[in-house]
Amino acid sequence: MRLPLLCIFAVLLLTSSICLSWPYTGQPNWQSDDERFTTSVAVADVDHDGYQDIIAANYKHPYDYTWETIAYWDEDQFGDHLCFYLNDYPAAGFGNHIDFSETIPGKKCWECLAVGDYNHDSWPDLAAGTLIGLGDDGFDYVFQNIGGNFSSSGNLTTSKSQDTHCLRWADVNLNGLLDLLILGFKGEIDIYYDVDNGLGGVDSRS
């Protein structure tokens, strides 16, 4: 008697899982206003209005680019800007994109993002990693959030040019400050310890 009951229970469980409906709307409720090669997104309340905003890392690279043909490409054909979309919900949803890397450091092949309040001012700051696009330009950056906008001055830059695969904020040495972990494509992990709210020493581990 137990075996048929177990079979019935298994069938009911299977059919109930198959019949679960898609819990979201059939079509996107919002789409970004431009078509860009976006490689990564992060979510944070950039402007402290209580709603989560979207930060996007964008990338541009000629499809037929090779190191042998690097001399034939113009710098304008490489890289794009970091941008964010402010969440104005429920009034108008997300607004148009706002580029914030036009001047410093300019266009880059942005690859990955990590959000963290590294200087303890209650505003979410941004770490951004890049790929090497045109020569020795694959550095990593930390953008300070000043009053709801990412500053184009006073930012931090690593001295090591590499293809960065991933970044993470974490208090590695348990001193109450966020350290920055950077994973390069070659598998090496660089740890930048935060010293007095300014990233200091480097501990490279593969």
Protein backbone atom coordinates (compact mmCIF):
# COMPACT_ATOMS: atom_id res chain seq x y z
CA MET A 1 0.00 0.00 0.00
CA ARG A 2 2.88 2.34 0.77
CA LEU A 3 4.40 2.03 -2.72
CA PRO A 4 1.29 3.29 -4.64
CA LEU A 5 0.92 6.18 -2.22
CA LEU A 6 4.56 7.14 -2.72
CA CYS A 7 4.10 6.98 -6.49
CA ILE A 8 1.01 9.21 -6.33
CA PHE A 9 2.85 11.68 -4.11
CA ALA A 10 5.81 11.75 -6.52
CA VAL A 11 3.51 12.38 -9.52
CA LEU A 12 1.69 15.21 -7.71
CA LEU A 13 4.99 16.79 -6.70
CA LEU A 14 6.32 16.58 -10.26
CA THR A 15 3.20 18.00 -11.87
CA SER A 16 2.98 20.85 -9.36
CA SER A 17 6.57 21.85 -10.10
CA ILE A 18 5.94 21.72 -13.85
CA CYS A 19 2.81 23.86 -13.56
CA LEU A 20 4.52 26.71 -11.71
CA SER A 21 3.87 29.90 -13.65
CA TRP A 22 6.41 32.53 -14.64
CA PRO A 23 6.25 35.00 -11.72
CA TYR A 24 7.18 38.09 -13.74
CA THR A 25 5.55 40.10 -16.51
CA GLY A 26 5.76 38.67 -20.00
CA GLN A 27 7.76 41.59 -21.38
CA PRO A 28 10.42 43.79 -19.77
CA ASN A 29 8.96 46.68 -17.80
CA TRP A 30 11.99 48.82 -18.63
CA GLN A 31 14.86 48.77 -21.12
CA SER A 32 17.92 50.99 -21.27
CA ASP A 33 17.77 53.86 -23.73
CA ASP A 34 20.80 52.89 -25.77
CA GLU A 35 22.41 49.83 -27.33
CA ARG A 36 25.86 49.40 -25.86
CA PHE A 37 28.14 46.44 -25.29
CA THR A 38 27.54 46.21 -21.54
CA THR A 39 29.74 43.68 -19.75
CA SER A 40 28.66 44.11 -16.13
CA VAL A 41 26.05 45.81 -13.96
CA ALA A 42 25.91 46.69 -10.28
CA VAL A 43 23.01 47.89 -8.13
CA ALA A 44 23.23 50.56 -5.40
CA ASP A 45 21.33 53.56 -4.09
CA VAL A 46 23.73 56.04 -5.71
CA ASP A 47 21.81 59.21 -4.82
CA HIS A 48 20.40 58.20 -1.40
CA ASP A 49 16.75 58.52 -2.38
CA GLY A 50 15.81 55.07 -1.10
CA TYR A 51 15.63 53.40 -4.54
CA GLN A 52 18.22 51.13 -6.10
CA ASP A 53 19.99 52.54 -9.17
CA ILE A 54 21.82 50.68 -11.94
CA ILE A 55 25.52 51.12 -12.73
CA ALA A 56 26.77 49.73 -16.05
CA ALA A 57 30.24 48.88 -17.34
CA ASN A 58 30.48 49.31 -21.11
CA TYR A 59 33.02 48.09 -23.61
CA LYS A 60 33.90 48.65 -27.26
CA HIS A 61 36.44 46.76 -29.33
CA PRO A 62 36.85 46.21 -33.09
CA TYR A 63 35.72 42.68 -33.97
CA ASP A 64 38.67 42.07 -36.29
CA TYR A 65 41.22 43.58 -33.94
CA THR A 66 44.49 41.67 -33.44
CA TRP A 67 47.83 42.64 -31.98
CA GLU A 68 49.27 42.47 -35.50
CA THR A 69 46.86 45.17 -36.72
CA ILE A 70 46.98 47.41 -33.63
CA ALA A 71 48.77 50.18 -35.51
CA TYR A 72 45.85 50.56 -37.93
CA TRP A 73 43.19 51.28 -35.30
CA ASP A 74 42.29 54.68 -33.96
CA GLU A 75 41.90 55.24 -30.20
CA ASP A 76 38.27 56.31 -30.70
CA GLN A 77 37.42 52.77 -31.77
CA PHE A 78 38.35 51.38 -28.36
CA GLY A 79 36.46 51.60 -25.12
CA ASP A 80 33.30 53.22 -23.79
CA HIS A 81 32.15 54.99 -20.65
CA LEU A 82 30.87 53.88 -17.30
CA CYS A 83 27.32 55.07 -16.75
CA PHE A 84 24.45 54.84 -14.31
CA TYR A 85 20.66 54.95 -14.54
CA LEU A 86 18.91 56.73 -11.68
CA ASN A 87 15.79 55.02 -10.38
CA ASP A 88 12.96 57.58 -10.27
CA TYR A 89 10.32 54.97 -9.41
CA PRO A 90 7.37 55.26 -9.10
CA ALA A 91 7.25 58.54 -11.00
CA ALA A 92 9.09 57.65 -14.19
CA GLY A 93 11.13 54.52 -13.58
CA PHE A 94 14.78 54.60 -14.60
CA GLY A 95 16.00 57.68 -16.43
CA ASN A 96 18.39 57.95 -19.36
CA HIS A 97 22.00 56.94 -18.90
CA ILE A 98 24.47 59.33 -17.27
CA ASP A 99 28.09 58.84 -18.32
CA PHE A 100 30.60 59.66 -15.61
CA SER A 101 34.00 58.61 -16.98
CA GLU A 102 34.25 61.13 -19.83
CA THR A 103 37.24 63.10 -18.54
CA ILE A 104 39.02 60.85 -16.08
CA PRO A 105 39.94 58.21 -17.06
CA GLY A 106 38.00 58.53 -20.33
CA LYS A 107 36.96 55.65 -22.55
CA LYS A 108 38.10 52.21 -21.42
CA CYS A 109 37.20 48.59 -22.04
CA TRP A 110 35.31 48.28 -18.75
CA GLU A 111 34.85 44.69 -17.64
CA CYS A 112 33.62 44.37 -14.03
CA LEU A 113 32.18 46.38 -11.13
CA ALA A 114 31.98 46.23 -7.35
CA VAL A 115 30.14 48.61 -5.01
CA GLY A 116 31.28 49.39 -1.47
CA ASP A 117 31.54 52.35 0.90
CA TYR A 118 35.32 52.16 1.27
CA ASN A 119 35.74 55.65 2.82
CA HIS A 120 32.89 55.25 5.33
CA ASP A 121 30.96 58.38 4.34
CA SER A 122 27.67 56.42 3.83
CA TRP A 123 27.77 56.94 0.03
CA PRO A 124 28.36 53.80 -2.10
CA ASP A 125 31.67 54.02 -3.97
CA LEU A 126 32.58 52.06 -7.07
CA ALA A 127 35.52 49.86 -8.06
CA ALA A 128 35.82 49.18 -11.79
CA GLY A 129 38.13 46.81 -13.64
CA THR A 130 39.17 47.00 -17.27
CA LEU A 131 40.58 44.93 -20.09
CA ILE A 132 43.66 46.01 -21.99
CA GLY A 133 42.30 47.72 -25.09
CA LEU A 134 45.00 49.68 -26.85
CA GLY A 135 48.39 49.15 -25.29
CA ASP A 136 49.20 49.45 -21.59
CA ASP A 137 45.81 50.77 -20.43
CA GLY A 138 44.26 47.94 -18.40
CA PHE A 139 44.19 49.55 -14.96
CA ASP A 140 41.63 49.30 -12.18
CA TYR A 141 39.89 52.32 -10.66
CA VAL A 142 38.02 53.37 -7.54
CA PHE A 143 35.45 56.16 -8.00
CA GLN A 144 34.33 58.10 -4.94
CA ASN A 145 30.64 58.85 -4.67
CA ILE A 146 30.37 62.52 -3.75
CA GLY A 147 26.81 63.59 -3.01
CA GLY A 148 25.19 61.16 -5.42
CA ASN A 149 27.61 61.39 -8.34
CA PHE A 150 30.83 59.55 -9.05
CA SER A 151 33.70 61.99 -9.03
CA SER A 152 35.99 62.42 -12.04
CA SER A 153 38.74 63.72 -9.74
CA GLY A 154 40.35 62.38 -6.60
CA ASN A 155 39.90 58.79 -7.70
CA LEU A 156 42.29 55.92 -7.06
CA THR A 157 44.09 53.96 -9.76
CA THR A 158 46.18 50.81 -9.54
CA SER A 159 49.67 50.90 -11.01
CA LYS A 160 49.33 47.48 -12.61
CA SER A 161 47.99 47.12 -16.15
CA GLN A 162 46.20 43.82 -16.72
CA ASP A 163 43.00 42.18 -17.89
CA THR A 164 40.79 42.14 -14.80
CA HIS A 165 38.17 39.42 -14.50
CA CYS A 166 36.56 40.25 -11.17
CA LEU A 167 36.67 42.69 -8.22
CA ARG A 168 35.34 42.31 -4.68
CA TRP A 169 35.25 44.51 -1.57
CA ALA A 170 35.93 42.71 1.74
CA ASP A 171 37.45 43.47 5.13
CA VAL A 172 40.22 40.92 4.72
CA ASN A 173 42.34 41.96 7.72
CA LEU A 174 39.38 42.73 10.03
CA ASN A 175 40.34 46.33 10.77
CA GLY A 176 36.91 47.74 9.93
CA LEU A 177 37.96 49.04 6.49
CA LEU A 178 37.06 47.58 3.09
CA ASP A 179 39.97 46.08 1.18
CA LEU A 180 39.87 45.53 -2.57
CA LEU A 181 40.47 42.11 -4.14
CA ILE A 182 41.23 42.01 -7.86
CA LEU A 183 41.36 38.85 -9.96
CA GLY A 184 43.38 39.06 -13.19
CA PHE A 185 42.79 36.81 -16.21
CA LYS A 186 46.07 35.00 -15.51
CA GLY A 187 44.67 33.80 -12.20
CA GLU A 188 46.60 36.12 -9.91
CA ILE A 189 44.72 37.75 -7.04
CA ASP A 190 45.86 41.19 -5.86
CA ILE A 191 44.71 42.40 -2.46
CA TYR A 192 44.86 46.13 -1.78
CA TYR A 193 44.56 46.85 1.94
CA ASP A 194 42.65 49.98 2.89
CA VAL A 195 44.86 52.17 5.06
CA ASP A 196 43.08 55.20 6.60
CA ASN A 197 40.39 55.19 3.89
CA GLY A 198 43.01 55.20 1.14
CA LEU A 199 43.97 51.89 -0.47
CA GLY A 200 47.51 51.07 0.51
CA GLY A 201 49.68 47.96 0.42
CA VAL A 202 49.45 45.20 -2.17
CA ASP A 203 49.53 41.49 -1.41
CA SER A 204 49.68 39.50 -4.65
CA ARG A 205 48.73 35.86 -4.48
CA SER A 206 48.21 33.40 -7.32
